[in-house]
Amino acid sequence: MRILLAALAGAAAMFVWTAIAHMATPLAYTGFSKMTNEQAALQSLTADNVGTKPGLFIFPWTDPKDPKMMEKYQALAKTHPTGMLLYRPVGQQMGSDMTPMLIKEFLKQFAQALIAAWIVSMIAAGFVTRVGVVTAIGASAGIATNVSYWNWYGYPTDYTLAQITIEVISALVAGLAIAAVMNRRTA
């Protein structure tokens, strides 16, 4: 029961911190840029050019099953721009009601905090060590995905560092909450 309460406290702390990070700091938008001629780009993103389904697109496209994929991609990259596009066709926007997304975000944070609380419950250590363990778990998670995206897909360095910062601080506040609830030494 204490693990669940610690996870709930950790998830609540994470949720509050990420709300602050996204609404009251520049971290959420660090690394994003506006296109020079956005109107022309938007006009080219039609169902005829991209499709009618939302998706994540890599361009220029080369078939991953093609044994010469890398050679073809390198040849195309010499004469075409490269990148990724997260696309939602007209009429399929996220919408103004953020409630479903906020619920999913909290559930994700609860799952993270539950794993961390379970791990912390097995450690015979004091408050500071438990906070450190949860923070290290969060740092590992923040690095795992964000650095790979920076390395393989060319995500901007400032974006990558901002996202890692959000995750590490999120883990720190979760660690503080989890360690406070699980204040007794166990193992």
C-alpha atoms as a PDB file:
ATOM      1  CA  MET A   1       0.000   0.000   0.000  1.00  0.00           C
ATOM      2  CA  ARG A   2       2.845   2.363   0.856  1.00  0.00           C
ATOM      3  CA  ILE A   3       4.387   1.763  -2.587  1.00  0.00           C
ATOM      4  CA  LEU A   4       1.123   2.833  -4.244  1.00  0.00           C
ATOM      5  CA  LEU A   5       0.862   5.935  -2.048  1.00  0.00           C
ATOM      6  CA  ALA A   6       4.492   6.806  -2.775  1.00  0.00           C
ATOM      7  CA  ALA A   7       3.871   6.329  -6.496  1.00  0.00           C
ATOM      8  CA  LEU A   8       0.798   8.540  -6.358  1.00  0.00           C
ATOM      9  CA  ALA A   9       2.761  11.253  -4.532  1.00  0.00           C
ATOM     10  CA  GLY A  10       5.631  10.915  -7.000  1.00  0.00           C
ATOM     11  CA  ALA A  11       3.318  11.117 -10.001  1.00  0.00           C
ATOM     12  CA  ALA A  12       1.562  14.183  -8.575  1.00  0.00           C
ATOM     13  CA  ALA A  13       4.927  15.890  -8.029  1.00  0.00           C
ATOM     14  CA  MET A  14       6.007  15.030 -11.583  1.00  0.00           C
ATOM     15  CA  PHE A  15       2.717  16.272 -13.007  1.00  0.00           C
ATOM     16  CA  VAL A  16       2.980  19.614 -11.201  1.00  0.00           C
ATOM     17  CA  TRP A  17       6.630  20.087 -12.211  1.00  0.00           C
ATOM     18  CA  THR A  18       6.005  19.273 -15.881  1.00  0.00           C
ATOM     19  CA  ALA A  19       3.056  21.688 -15.905  1.00  0.00           C
ATOM     20  CA  ILE A  20       5.341  24.400 -14.540  1.00  0.00           C
ATOM     21  CA  ALA A  21       8.092  23.468 -17.010  1.00  0.00           C
ATOM     22  CA  HIS A  22       5.700  23.719 -19.947  1.00  0.00           C
ATOM     23  CA  MET A  23       3.740  26.823 -18.889  1.00  0.00           C
ATOM     24  CA  ALA A  24       6.179  28.953 -16.903  1.00  0.00           C
ATOM     25  CA  THR A  25       9.638  28.224 -18.319  1.00  0.00           C
ATOM     26  CA  PRO A  26      11.132  28.318 -21.814  1.00  0.00           C
ATOM     27  CA  LEU A  27      12.135  24.639 -21.549  1.00  0.00           C
ATOM     28  CA  ALA A  28       9.086  23.319 -23.405  1.00  0.00           C
ATOM     29  CA  TYR A  29       9.822  25.335 -26.549  1.00  0.00           C
ATOM     30  CA  THR A  30      13.609  25.320 -26.476  1.00  0.00           C
ATOM     31  CA  GLY A  31      14.945  24.017 -29.776  1.00  0.00           C
ATOM     32  CA  PHE A  32      11.792  24.672 -31.817  1.00  0.00           C
ATOM     33  CA  SER A  33      12.077  27.029 -34.773  1.00  0.00           C
ATOM     34  CA  LYS A  34       9.699  28.752 -37.168  1.00  0.00           C
ATOM     35  CA  MET A  35      10.042  27.992 -40.860  1.00  0.00           C
ATOM     36  CA  THR A  36      11.227  30.887 -43.012  1.00  0.00           C
ATOM     37  CA  ASN A  37       8.257  30.582 -45.365  1.00  0.00           C
ATOM     38  CA  GLU A  38       5.744  28.618 -43.329  1.00  0.00           C
ATOM     39  CA  GLN A  39       2.812  29.507 -45.576  1.00  0.00           C
ATOM     40  CA  ALA A  40       4.422  27.867 -48.620  1.00  0.00           C
ATOM     41  CA  ALA A  41       5.322  24.783 -46.582  1.00  0.00           C
ATOM     42  CA  LEU A  42       1.766  24.506 -45.208  1.00  0.00           C
ATOM     43  CA  GLN A  43       0.308  24.782 -48.705  1.00  0.00           C
ATOM     44  CA  SER A  44       2.407  21.799 -49.823  1.00  0.00           C
ATOM     45  CA  LEU A  45       1.200  19.614 -46.908  1.00  0.00           C
ATOM     46  CA  THR A  46      -1.988  18.434 -48.568  1.00  0.00           C
ATOM     47  CA  ALA A  47      -3.654  15.029 -48.673  1.00  0.00           C
ATOM     48  CA  ASP A  48      -2.356  14.656 -52.239  1.00  0.00           C
ATOM     49  CA  ASN A  49       1.256  15.178 -51.105  1.00  0.00           C
ATOM     50  CA  VAL A  50       1.316  13.597 -47.635  1.00  0.00           C
ATOM     51  CA  GLY A  51      -1.812  11.493 -47.250  1.00  0.00           C
ATOM     52  CA  THR A  52      -5.006  11.467 -45.243  1.00  0.00           C
ATOM     53  CA  LYS A  53      -3.714   9.763 -42.103  1.00  0.00           C
ATOM     54  CA  PRO A  54      -1.696  11.305 -39.291  1.00  0.00           C
ATOM     55  CA  GLY A  55       1.807   9.951 -38.990  1.00  0.00           C
ATOM     56  CA  LEU A  56       5.526  10.426 -38.593  1.00  0.00           C
ATOM     57  CA  PHE A  57       7.287  10.790 -41.912  1.00  0.00           C
ATOM     58  CA  ILE A  58      10.982  10.659 -42.759  1.00  0.00           C
ATOM     59  CA  PHE A  59      12.100  12.344 -45.938  1.00  0.00           C
ATOM     60  CA  PRO A  60      13.467  11.592 -48.386  1.00  0.00           C
ATOM     61  CA  TRP A  61      11.979   8.115 -48.060  1.00  0.00           C
ATOM     62  CA  THR A  62      13.995   5.015 -48.835  1.00  0.00           C
ATOM     63  CA  ASP A  63      12.683   1.518 -48.195  1.00  0.00           C
ATOM     64  CA  PRO A  64      14.340   0.093 -45.040  1.00  0.00           C
ATOM     65  CA  LYS A  65      14.148  -3.393 -46.586  1.00  0.00           C
ATOM     66  CA  ASP A  66      16.187  -2.315 -49.603  1.00  0.00           C
ATOM     67  CA  PRO A  67      19.772  -3.573 -49.198  1.00  0.00           C
ATOM     68  CA  LYS A  68      20.968  -0.345 -50.856  1.00  0.00           C
ATOM     69  CA  MET A  69      18.853   1.861 -48.596  1.00  0.00           C
ATOM     70  CA  MET A  70      21.766   3.823 -47.113  1.00  0.00           C
ATOM     71  CA  GLU A  71      23.384   4.428 -50.507  1.00  0.00           C
ATOM     72  CA  LYS A  72      20.093   5.646 -51.967  1.00  0.00           C
ATOM     73  CA  TYR A  73      19.411   7.860 -48.936  1.00  0.00           C
ATOM     74  CA  GLN A  74      22.891   9.420 -49.126  1.00  0.00           C
ATOM     75  CA  ALA A  75      22.415  10.117 -52.843  1.00  0.00           C
ATOM     76  CA  LEU A  76      19.034  11.760 -52.215  1.00  0.00           C
ATOM     77  CA  ALA A  77      20.409  13.741 -49.274  1.00  0.00           C
ATOM     78  CA  LYS A  78      22.942  15.397 -51.603  1.00  0.00           C
ATOM     79  CA  THR A  79      20.160  17.011 -53.637  1.00  0.00           C
ATOM     80  CA  HIS A  80      17.157  17.157 -51.276  1.00  0.00           C
ATOM     81  CA  PRO A  81      16.466  18.384 -47.767  1.00  0.00           C
ATOM     82  CA  THR A  82      16.222  15.699 -45.077  1.00  0.00           C
ATOM     83  CA  GLY A  83      14.071  15.557 -42.002  1.00  0.00           C
ATOM     84  CA  MET A  84      11.110  14.240 -40.095  1.00  0.00           C
ATOM     85  CA  LEU A  85       7.550  15.468 -40.118  1.00  0.00           C
ATOM     86  CA  LEU A  86       4.953  14.772 -37.446  1.00  0.00           C
ATOM     87  CA  TYR A  87       1.777  15.294 -39.437  1.00  0.00           C
ATOM     88  CA  ARG A  88      -1.918  15.688 -38.705  1.00  0.00           C
ATOM     89  CA  PRO A  89      -4.168  16.358 -41.703  1.00  0.00           C
ATOM     90  CA  VAL A  90      -6.735  19.139 -41.661  1.00  0.00           C
ATOM     91  CA  GLY A  91      -9.578  18.175 -39.339  1.00  0.00           C
ATOM     92  CA  GLN A  92      -7.482  15.788 -37.248  1.00  0.00           C
ATOM     93  CA  GLN A  93      -5.844  18.276 -34.889  1.00  0.00           C
ATOM     94  CA  MET A  94      -5.251  17.558 -31.224  1.00  0.00           C
ATOM     95  CA  GLY A  95      -8.255  19.663 -30.334  1.00  0.00           C
ATOM     96  CA  SER A  96      -8.769  22.218 -27.618  1.00  0.00           C
ATOM     97  CA  ASP A  97      -9.752  19.720 -24.906  1.00  0.00           C
ATOM     98  CA  MET A  98      -6.455  18.628 -23.396  1.00  0.00           C
ATOM     99  CA  THR A  99      -8.113  16.437 -20.741  1.00  0.00           C
ATOM    100  CA  PRO A 100      -7.456  13.084 -22.486  1.00  0.00           C
ATOM    101  CA  MET A 101      -3.786  13.971 -23.064  1.00  0.00           C
ATOM    102  CA  LEU A 102      -3.351  15.173 -19.488  1.00  0.00           C
ATOM    103  CA  ILE A 103      -4.869  11.927 -18.176  1.00  0.00           C
ATOM    104  CA  LYS A 104      -2.493   9.862 -20.346  1.00  0.00           C
ATOM    105  CA  GLU A 105       0.448  11.962 -19.168  1.00  0.00           C
ATOM    106  CA  PHE A 106      -0.468  11.450 -15.522  1.00  0.00           C
ATOM    107  CA  LEU A 107      -0.893   7.698 -16.050  1.00  0.00           C
ATOM    108  CA  LYS A 108       2.546   7.559 -17.685  1.00  0.00           C
ATOM    109  CA  GLN A 109       4.031   9.447 -14.758  1.00  0.00           C
ATOM    110  CA  PHE A 110       2.234   7.160 -12.304  1.00  0.00           C
ATOM    111  CA  ALA A 111       3.747   4.106 -14.035  1.00  0.00           C
ATOM    112  CA  GLN A 112       7.205   5.693 -13.832  1.00  0.00           C
ATOM    113  CA  ALA A 113       6.740   6.603 -10.165  1.00  0.00           C
ATOM    114  CA  LEU A 114       5.379   3.131  -9.371  1.00  0.00           C
ATOM    115  CA  ILE A 115       8.487   1.482 -10.817  1.00  0.00           C
ATOM    116  CA  ALA A 116      10.711   3.912  -8.915  1.00  0.00           C
ATOM    117  CA  ALA A 117       8.801   3.412  -5.642  1.00  0.00           C
ATOM    118  CA  TRP A 118       9.036  -0.359  -6.016  1.00  0.00           C
ATOM    119  CA  ILE A 119      12.804  -0.141  -6.553  1.00  0.00           C
ATOM    120  CA  VAL A 120      13.204   2.274  -3.623  1.00  0.00           C
ATOM    121  CA  SER A 121      11.187  -0.070  -1.399  1.00  0.00           C
ATOM    122  CA  MET A 122      13.939  -2.665  -1.772  1.00  0.00           C
ATOM    123  CA  ILE A 123      16.750  -0.327  -0.773  1.00  0.00           C
ATOM    124  CA  ALA A 124      17.824  -0.127   2.866  1.00  0.00           C
ATOM    125  CA  ALA A 125      18.842   3.511   2.671  1.00  0.00           C
ATOM    126  CA  GLY A 126      17.971   6.934   3.951  1.00  0.00           C
ATOM    127  CA  PHE A 127      16.016   9.778   2.403  1.00  0.00           C
ATOM    128  CA  VAL A 128      18.837  11.355   0.373  1.00  0.00           C
ATOM    129  CA  THR A 129      19.929   8.038  -1.153  1.00  0.00           C
ATOM    130  CA  ARG A 130      16.359   7.201  -2.139  1.00  0.00           C
ATOM    131  CA  VAL A 131      15.928  10.617  -3.768  1.00  0.00           C
ATOM    132  CA  GLY A 132      19.218  10.037  -5.585  1.00  0.00           C
ATOM    133  CA  VAL A 133      18.140   6.617  -6.849  1.00  0.00           C
ATOM    134  CA  VAL A 134      14.878   7.970  -8.286  1.00  0.00           C
ATOM    135  CA  THR A 135      16.711  10.933  -9.823  1.00  0.00           C
ATOM    136  CA  ALA A 136      19.235   8.567 -11.422  1.00  0.00           C
ATOM    137  CA  ILE A 137      16.405   6.456 -12.853  1.00  0.00           C
ATOM    138  CA  GLY A 138      14.903   9.609 -14.374  1.00  0.00           C
ATOM    139  CA  ALA A 139      18.251  10.791 -15.709  1.00  0.00           C
ATOM    140  CA  SER A 140      18.737   7.423 -17.386  1.00  0.00           C
ATOM    141  CA  ALA A 141      15.265   7.587 -18.947  1.00  0.00           C
ATOM    142  CA  GLY A 142      15.791  11.180 -20.097  1.00  0.00           C
ATOM    143  CA  ILE A 143      19.130  10.366 -21.674  1.00  0.00           C
ATOM    144  CA  ALA A 144      18.039   7.066 -23.253  1.00  0.00           C
ATOM    145  CA  THR A 145      15.522   8.467 -25.710  1.00  0.00           C
ATOM    146  CA  ASN A 146      16.568  12.081 -26.108  1.00  0.00           C
ATOM    147  CA  VAL A 147      20.249  11.471 -26.822  1.00  0.00           C
ATOM    148  CA  SER A 148      19.365   8.772 -29.359  1.00  0.00           C
ATOM    149  CA  TYR A 149      17.031  11.195 -31.157  1.00  0.00           C
ATOM    150  CA  TRP A 150      19.790  13.834 -31.130  1.00  0.00           C
ATOM    151  CA  ASN A 151      22.356  11.351 -32.405  1.00  0.00           C
ATOM    152  CA  TRP A 152      20.337   9.519 -35.067  1.00  0.00           C
ATOM    153  CA  TYR A 153      17.711  12.023 -36.199  1.00  0.00           C
ATOM    154  CA  GLY A 154      19.525  15.305 -35.676  1.00  0.00           C
ATOM    155  CA  TYR A 155      17.282  16.770 -32.986  1.00  0.00           C
ATOM    156  CA  PRO A 156      18.727  20.132 -31.922  1.00  0.00           C
ATOM    157  CA  THR A 157      21.195  20.052 -29.033  1.00  0.00           C
ATOM    158  CA  ASP A 158      19.324  22.756 -27.092  1.00  0.00           C
ATOM    159  CA  TYR A 159      16.046  20.829 -27.474  1.00  0.00           C
ATOM    160  CA  THR A 160      17.737  17.618 -26.303  1.00  0.00           C
ATOM    161  CA  LEU A 161      19.279  19.278 -23.249  1.00  0.00           C
ATOM    162  CA  ALA A 162      15.982  20.993 -22.357  1.00  0.00           C
ATOM    163  CA  GLN A 163      14.069  17.694 -22.516  1.00  0.00           C
ATOM    164  CA  ILE A 164      16.680  15.919 -20.404  1.00  0.00           C
ATOM    165  CA  THR A 165      16.512  18.777 -17.891  1.00  0.00           C
ATOM    166  CA  ILE A 166      12.723  18.454 -17.661  1.00  0.00           C
ATOM    167  CA  GLU A 167      13.028  14.686 -17.081  1.00  0.00           C
ATOM    168  CA  VAL A 168      15.803  14.935 -14.473  1.00  0.00           C
ATOM    169  CA  ILE A 169      13.961  17.590 -12.475  1.00  0.00           C
ATOM    170  CA  SER A 170      10.762  15.555 -12.817  1.00  0.00           C
ATOM    171  CA  ALA A 171      12.574  12.546 -11.347  1.00  0.00           C
ATOM    172  CA  LEU A 172      14.064  14.694  -8.587  1.00  0.00           C
ATOM    173  CA  VAL A 173      10.674  15.986  -7.434  1.00  0.00           C
ATOM    174  CA  ALA A 174       9.220  12.478  -7.730  1.00  0.00           C
ATOM    175  CA  GLY A 175      12.148  11.189  -5.688  1.00  0.00           C
ATOM    176  CA  LEU A 176      11.508  13.760  -2.975  1.00  0.00           C
ATOM    177  CA  ALA A 177       7.835  12.752  -2.784  1.00  0.00           C
ATOM    178  CA  ILE A 178       8.509   9.006  -2.936  1.00  0.00           C
ATOM    179  CA  ALA A 179      11.259   9.172  -0.311  1.00  0.00           C
ATOM    180  CA  ALA A 180       9.027  11.262   1.965  1.00  0.00           C
ATOM    181  CA  VAL A 181       6.241   8.668   1.827  1.00  0.00           C
ATOM    182  CA  MET A 182       8.615   5.718   2.171  1.00  0.00           C
ATOM    183  CA  ASN A 183      10.543   7.219   5.069  1.00  0.00           C
ATOM    184  CA  ARG A 184      11.344   3.978   6.901  1.00  0.00           C
ATOM    185  CA  ARG A 185      14.356   1.851   6.004  1.00  0.00           C
ATOM    186  CA  THR A 186      13.327  -1.359   4.291  1.00  0.00           C
ATOM    187  CA  ALA A 187      15.001  -4.127   2.323  1.00  0.00           C
END
